[in-house]
N, C-alpha and C. Protein backbone atom coordinates (compact mmCIF):
# COMPACT_ATOMS: atom_id res chain seq x y z
N MET A 1 29.53 58.56 4.35
CA MET A 1 29.33 57.31 5.07
C MET A 1 30.19 57.27 6.34
N ASN A 2 31.43 57.79 6.25
CA ASN A 2 32.30 57.78 7.42
C ASN A 2 31.72 58.60 8.56
N PHE A 3 31.08 59.72 8.24
CA PHE A 3 30.47 60.55 9.28
C PHE A 3 29.39 59.77 10.04
N ILE A 4 28.62 58.99 9.30
CA ILE A 4 27.55 58.20 9.93
C ILE A 4 28.14 57.14 10.83
N LEU A 5 29.21 56.47 10.38
CA LEU A 5 29.85 55.44 11.20
C LEU A 5 30.43 56.03 12.48
N VAL A 6 31.09 57.18 12.37
CA VAL A 6 31.65 57.84 13.55
C VAL A 6 30.52 58.28 14.48
N PHE A 7 29.48 58.83 13.90
CA PHE A 7 28.33 59.28 14.68
C PHE A 7 27.68 58.12 15.45
N LEU A 8 27.43 57.01 14.77
CA LEU A 8 26.79 55.86 15.42
C LEU A 8 27.70 55.24 16.48
N GLY A 9 28.97 55.05 16.13
CA GLY A 9 29.91 54.49 17.10
C GLY A 9 30.08 55.39 18.30
N GLY A 10 30.20 56.69 18.06
CA GLY A 10 30.34 57.65 19.15
C GLY A 10 29.12 57.69 20.04
N GLY A 11 27.95 57.62 19.43
CA GLY A 11 26.72 57.60 20.22
C GLY A 11 26.63 56.39 21.12
N ILE A 12 26.96 55.24 20.59
CA ILE A 12 26.95 54.01 21.39
C ILE A 12 27.98 54.10 22.51
N GLY A 13 29.18 54.57 22.17
CA GLY A 13 30.23 54.71 23.18
C GLY A 13 29.84 55.67 24.29
N CYS A 14 29.20 56.78 23.91
CA CYS A 14 28.76 57.77 24.91
C CYS A 14 27.69 57.21 25.83
N VAL A 15 26.75 56.45 25.27
CA VAL A 15 25.68 55.87 26.09
C VAL A 15 26.27 54.84 27.06
N ILE A 16 27.21 54.04 26.58
CA ILE A 16 27.84 53.06 27.47
C ILE A 16 28.63 53.78 28.56
N ARG A 17 29.32 54.85 28.22
CA ARG A 17 30.05 55.63 29.21
C ARG A 17 29.10 56.19 30.26
N TYR A 18 27.96 56.67 29.82
CA TYR A 18 26.95 57.21 30.72
C TYR A 18 26.43 56.11 31.66
N CYS A 19 26.18 54.92 31.12
CA CYS A 19 25.70 53.80 31.95
C CYS A 19 26.75 53.38 32.97
N ILE A 20 28.01 53.37 32.57
CA ILE A 20 29.08 53.05 33.52
C ILE A 20 29.09 54.09 34.63
N GLY A 21 28.92 55.35 34.28
CA GLY A 21 28.86 56.42 35.27
C GLY A 21 27.70 56.23 36.23
N LEU A 22 26.53 55.86 35.70
CA LEU A 22 25.37 55.62 36.56
C LEU A 22 25.62 54.46 37.52
N PHE A 23 26.26 53.42 37.03
CA PHE A 23 26.53 52.25 37.86
C PHE A 23 27.43 52.62 39.05
N PHE A 24 28.47 53.38 38.78
CA PHE A 24 29.41 53.73 39.84
C PHE A 24 28.99 54.94 40.66
N GLN A 25 27.94 55.63 40.21
CA GLN A 25 27.45 56.80 40.93
C GLN A 25 26.90 56.43 42.31
N LYS A 26 26.43 55.22 42.46
CA LYS A 26 25.83 54.77 43.71
C LYS A 26 26.87 54.28 44.72
N THR A 27 28.13 54.34 44.36
CA THR A 27 29.18 53.88 45.27
C THR A 27 29.88 55.07 45.91
N SER A 28 30.55 54.81 47.00
CA SER A 28 31.31 55.88 47.67
C SER A 28 32.80 55.58 47.60
N LEU A 29 33.23 55.14 46.44
CA LEU A 29 34.64 54.79 46.25
C LEU A 29 35.48 56.05 46.08
N SER A 30 36.73 55.98 46.51
CA SER A 30 37.58 57.16 46.46
C SER A 30 38.14 57.45 45.06
N LEU A 31 38.35 56.45 44.25
CA LEU A 31 38.85 56.67 42.89
C LEU A 31 37.70 56.91 41.94
N PRO A 32 37.93 57.66 40.87
CA PRO A 32 36.87 57.86 39.86
C PRO A 32 36.77 56.61 38.98
N TRP A 33 36.16 55.57 39.52
CA TRP A 33 36.13 54.26 38.86
C TRP A 33 35.45 54.29 37.50
N ALA A 34 34.40 55.06 37.35
CA ALA A 34 33.70 55.10 36.06
C ALA A 34 34.63 55.58 34.95
N THR A 35 35.37 56.64 35.24
CA THR A 35 36.32 57.17 34.25
C THR A 35 37.45 56.18 34.01
N LEU A 36 37.96 55.60 35.07
CA LEU A 36 39.04 54.62 34.96
C LEU A 36 38.60 53.43 34.11
N ILE A 37 37.42 52.89 34.40
CA ILE A 37 36.91 51.74 33.64
C ILE A 37 36.68 52.14 32.18
N SER A 38 36.12 53.31 31.94
CA SER A 38 35.88 53.77 30.57
C SER A 38 37.18 53.94 29.80
N ASN A 39 38.17 54.59 30.42
CA ASN A 39 39.46 54.80 29.76
C ASN A 39 40.15 53.49 29.44
N ILE A 40 40.20 52.60 30.41
CA ILE A 40 40.88 51.32 30.20
C ILE A 40 40.14 50.48 29.17
N SER A 41 38.81 50.46 29.23
CA SER A 41 38.02 49.69 28.26
C SER A 41 38.25 50.20 26.84
N ALA A 42 38.23 51.51 26.67
CA ALA A 42 38.43 52.09 25.34
C ALA A 42 39.83 51.76 24.82
N CYS A 43 40.84 51.87 25.67
CA CYS A 43 42.21 51.54 25.26
C CYS A 43 42.34 50.06 24.93
N PHE A 44 41.67 49.21 25.72
CA PHE A 44 41.70 47.76 25.47
C PHE A 44 41.09 47.45 24.10
N ILE A 45 39.92 48.00 23.83
CA ILE A 45 39.25 47.76 22.54
C ILE A 45 40.10 48.30 21.40
N PHE A 46 40.64 49.50 21.56
CA PHE A 46 41.49 50.13 20.54
C PHE A 46 42.69 49.23 20.24
N ALA A 47 43.36 48.76 21.28
CA ALA A 47 44.54 47.92 21.11
C ALA A 47 44.20 46.58 20.47
N ILE A 48 43.09 45.97 20.89
CA ILE A 48 42.69 44.67 20.34
C ILE A 48 42.36 44.79 18.85
N VAL A 49 41.63 45.83 18.48
CA VAL A 49 41.29 46.03 17.05
C VAL A 49 42.56 46.21 16.23
N LEU A 50 43.49 47.00 16.72
CA LEU A 50 44.76 47.18 16.00
C LEU A 50 45.54 45.87 15.92
N TRP A 51 45.57 45.13 17.01
CA TRP A 51 46.31 43.86 17.07
C TRP A 51 45.70 42.85 16.10
N LEU A 52 44.38 42.77 16.05
CA LEU A 52 43.72 41.84 15.15
C LEU A 52 43.88 42.24 13.69
N SER A 53 44.05 43.53 13.44
CA SER A 53 44.21 44.03 12.07
C SER A 53 45.60 43.81 11.51
N GLN A 54 46.60 43.73 12.37
CA GLN A 54 48.00 43.68 11.92
C GLN A 54 48.40 42.40 11.19
N PRO A 55 48.12 41.20 11.72
CA PRO A 55 48.67 40.00 11.07
C PRO A 55 48.26 39.86 9.61
N LYS A 56 47.06 40.22 9.29
CA LYS A 56 46.56 40.08 7.93
C LYS A 56 46.63 41.39 7.17
N ASN A 57 47.24 42.39 7.79
CA ASN A 57 47.35 43.72 7.20
C ASN A 57 45.98 44.24 6.76
N ILE A 58 45.02 44.08 7.66
CA ILE A 58 43.65 44.50 7.38
C ILE A 58 43.55 46.01 7.61
N ASN A 59 43.07 46.71 6.62
CA ASN A 59 42.85 48.14 6.75
C ASN A 59 41.39 48.41 6.44
N ASN A 60 40.52 48.02 7.35
CA ASN A 60 39.10 48.21 7.18
C ASN A 60 38.72 49.59 7.70
N THR A 61 38.66 50.55 6.81
CA THR A 61 38.38 51.93 7.17
C THR A 61 37.05 52.06 7.90
N GLN A 62 36.03 51.36 7.44
CA GLN A 62 34.72 51.46 8.07
C GLN A 62 34.75 50.94 9.51
N LEU A 63 35.44 49.83 9.73
CA LEU A 63 35.56 49.29 11.09
C LEU A 63 36.31 50.26 11.98
N HIS A 64 37.38 50.83 11.47
CA HIS A 64 38.16 51.80 12.24
C HIS A 64 37.35 53.06 12.54
N MET A 65 36.59 53.52 11.56
CA MET A 65 35.75 54.71 11.78
C MET A 65 34.74 54.44 12.88
N PHE A 66 34.06 53.30 12.80
CA PHE A 66 33.01 52.98 13.76
C PHE A 66 33.58 52.67 15.14
N LEU A 67 34.54 51.75 15.21
CA LEU A 67 35.05 51.29 16.51
C LEU A 67 36.08 52.22 17.13
N LEU A 68 37.11 52.57 16.38
CA LEU A 68 38.22 53.32 16.96
C LEU A 68 37.89 54.79 17.14
N ILE A 69 37.46 55.43 16.08
CA ILE A 69 37.19 56.86 16.17
C ILE A 69 35.85 57.11 16.87
N GLY A 70 34.82 56.39 16.45
CA GLY A 70 33.49 56.60 17.01
C GLY A 70 33.33 56.02 18.40
N PHE A 71 33.29 54.70 18.48
CA PHE A 71 32.99 54.04 19.75
C PHE A 71 34.02 54.37 20.84
N CYS A 72 35.30 54.14 20.54
CA CYS A 72 36.33 54.42 21.55
C CYS A 72 36.41 55.90 21.87
N GLY A 73 36.20 56.75 20.87
CA GLY A 73 36.19 58.19 21.11
C GLY A 73 35.02 58.61 21.97
N GLY A 74 33.86 57.97 21.77
CA GLY A 74 32.71 58.27 22.60
C GLY A 74 32.86 57.73 24.01
N LEU A 75 33.46 56.57 24.11
CA LEU A 75 33.67 55.97 25.43
C LEU A 75 34.74 56.72 26.19
N SER A 76 35.79 57.14 25.49
CA SER A 76 36.88 57.87 26.15
C SER A 76 37.87 58.36 25.11
N THR A 77 38.18 59.65 25.14
CA THR A 77 39.21 60.14 24.23
C THR A 77 40.60 59.75 24.70
N PHE A 78 40.67 59.20 25.89
CA PHE A 78 41.97 58.77 26.40
C PHE A 78 42.58 57.69 25.52
N SER A 79 41.75 56.90 24.85
CA SER A 79 42.27 55.85 23.98
C SER A 79 43.10 56.45 22.85
N SER A 80 42.65 57.56 22.27
CA SER A 80 43.43 58.23 21.22
C SER A 80 44.71 58.80 21.78
N PHE A 81 44.61 59.46 22.92
CA PHE A 81 45.80 60.02 23.57
C PHE A 81 46.81 58.91 23.88
N GLY A 82 46.33 57.81 24.43
CA GLY A 82 47.21 56.70 24.77
C GLY A 82 47.90 56.11 23.55
N TYR A 83 47.14 55.92 22.48
CA TYR A 83 47.70 55.34 21.27
C TYR A 83 48.71 56.28 20.62
N GLU A 84 48.38 57.55 20.54
CA GLU A 84 49.29 58.51 19.91
C GLU A 84 50.58 58.65 20.72
N THR A 85 50.47 58.61 22.04
CA THR A 85 51.66 58.67 22.88
C THR A 85 52.48 57.39 22.71
N PHE A 86 51.80 56.25 22.63
CA PHE A 86 52.48 54.97 22.39
C PHE A 86 53.26 55.02 21.06
N LEU A 87 52.64 55.59 20.03
CA LEU A 87 53.32 55.69 18.73
C LEU A 87 54.58 56.53 18.83
N LEU A 88 54.51 57.62 19.60
CA LEU A 88 55.70 58.45 19.78
C LEU A 88 56.82 57.64 20.45
N PHE A 89 56.47 56.92 21.51
CA PHE A 89 57.46 56.06 22.18
C PHE A 89 57.98 55.00 21.21
N ASN A 90 57.07 54.38 20.47
CA ASN A 90 57.42 53.30 19.55
C ASN A 90 58.36 53.76 18.44
N HIS A 91 58.26 55.02 18.05
CA HIS A 91 59.14 55.58 17.02
C HIS A 91 60.41 56.18 17.61
N GLY A 92 60.61 55.96 18.91
CA GLY A 92 61.83 56.44 19.56
C GLY A 92 61.80 57.92 19.89
N LEU A 93 60.65 58.53 19.81
CA LEU A 93 60.52 59.96 20.10
C LEU A 93 60.14 60.16 21.57
N PHE A 94 61.04 59.72 22.44
CA PHE A 94 60.77 59.71 23.87
C PHE A 94 60.50 61.11 24.42
N PHE A 95 61.27 62.08 23.98
CA PHE A 95 61.08 63.44 24.45
C PHE A 95 59.68 63.94 24.12
N TYR A 96 59.24 63.71 22.87
CA TYR A 96 57.92 64.17 22.45
C TYR A 96 56.80 63.39 23.14
N ALA A 97 57.02 62.11 23.37
CA ALA A 97 56.03 61.32 24.09
C ALA A 97 55.84 61.85 25.51
N LEU A 98 56.94 62.10 26.20
CA LEU A 98 56.86 62.65 27.55
C LEU A 98 56.29 64.06 27.54
N LEU A 99 56.70 64.85 26.57
CA LEU A 99 56.18 66.20 26.44
C LEU A 99 54.67 66.18 26.21
N ASN A 100 54.22 65.27 25.37
CA ASN A 100 52.79 65.12 25.11
C ASN A 100 52.04 64.77 26.40
N MET A 101 52.60 63.85 27.16
CA MET A 101 51.97 63.44 28.42
C MET A 101 51.92 64.60 29.41
N ILE A 102 53.02 65.31 29.53
CA ILE A 102 53.10 66.40 30.50
C ILE A 102 52.19 67.55 30.10
N ILE A 103 52.28 67.97 28.84
CA ILE A 103 51.47 69.09 28.38
C ILE A 103 49.99 68.77 28.50
N THR A 104 49.59 67.60 28.03
CA THR A 104 48.17 67.23 28.09
C THR A 104 47.67 67.20 29.52
N THR A 105 48.42 66.57 30.39
CA THR A 105 47.99 66.44 31.78
C THR A 105 47.99 67.78 32.50
N VAL A 106 49.07 68.53 32.38
CA VAL A 106 49.19 69.80 33.10
C VAL A 106 48.16 70.81 32.60
N ILE A 107 48.03 70.96 31.29
CA ILE A 107 47.07 71.93 30.76
C ILE A 107 45.64 71.51 31.07
N SER A 108 45.33 70.24 30.90
CA SER A 108 43.97 69.77 31.18
C SER A 108 43.59 70.00 32.63
N LEU A 109 44.46 69.62 33.54
CA LEU A 109 44.17 69.83 34.95
C LEU A 109 44.14 71.31 35.31
N SER A 110 45.03 72.07 34.71
CA SER A 110 45.07 73.51 34.98
C SER A 110 43.78 74.20 34.55
N LEU A 111 43.19 73.75 33.45
CA LEU A 111 41.94 74.34 32.98
C LEU A 111 40.82 74.13 34.00
N PHE A 112 40.83 72.96 34.64
CA PHE A 112 39.82 72.72 35.66
C PHE A 112 40.02 73.65 36.86
N TYR A 113 41.27 73.85 37.23
CA TYR A 113 41.56 74.78 38.33
C TYR A 113 41.23 76.23 37.96
N LEU A 114 41.53 76.56 36.71
CA LEU A 114 41.29 77.92 36.25
C LEU A 114 39.81 78.28 36.23
N PHE A 115 38.99 77.32 35.80
CA PHE A 115 37.56 77.58 35.64
C PHE A 115 36.68 76.99 36.73
N LYS A 116 37.27 76.68 37.88
CA LYS A 116 36.46 76.09 38.96
C LYS A 116 35.57 77.10 39.65
């Protein structure tokens, strides 16, 4: 069942990401607005779901599978990266949080340069 929830959420997130890309494709803006909007939207949804779950200690696995892993993952994997880095900072693991940010950014960008 979890696979189906992740699949459906991811599919919806991917289609919305694609539509956002189509919307901004017709503009000549200097920033990659489609990616920026997708990343921020996914992080916003991820954070709101976690925030709403905390007061009542709600651990709805199905909701998390569909929204957090599926939908937010389909919309942008940056939401997972952001949350995991936040957790490192929140646990006082500042070195690892910064290392995670640096390694992810440097390696990801380097791969684009390497395979251009």
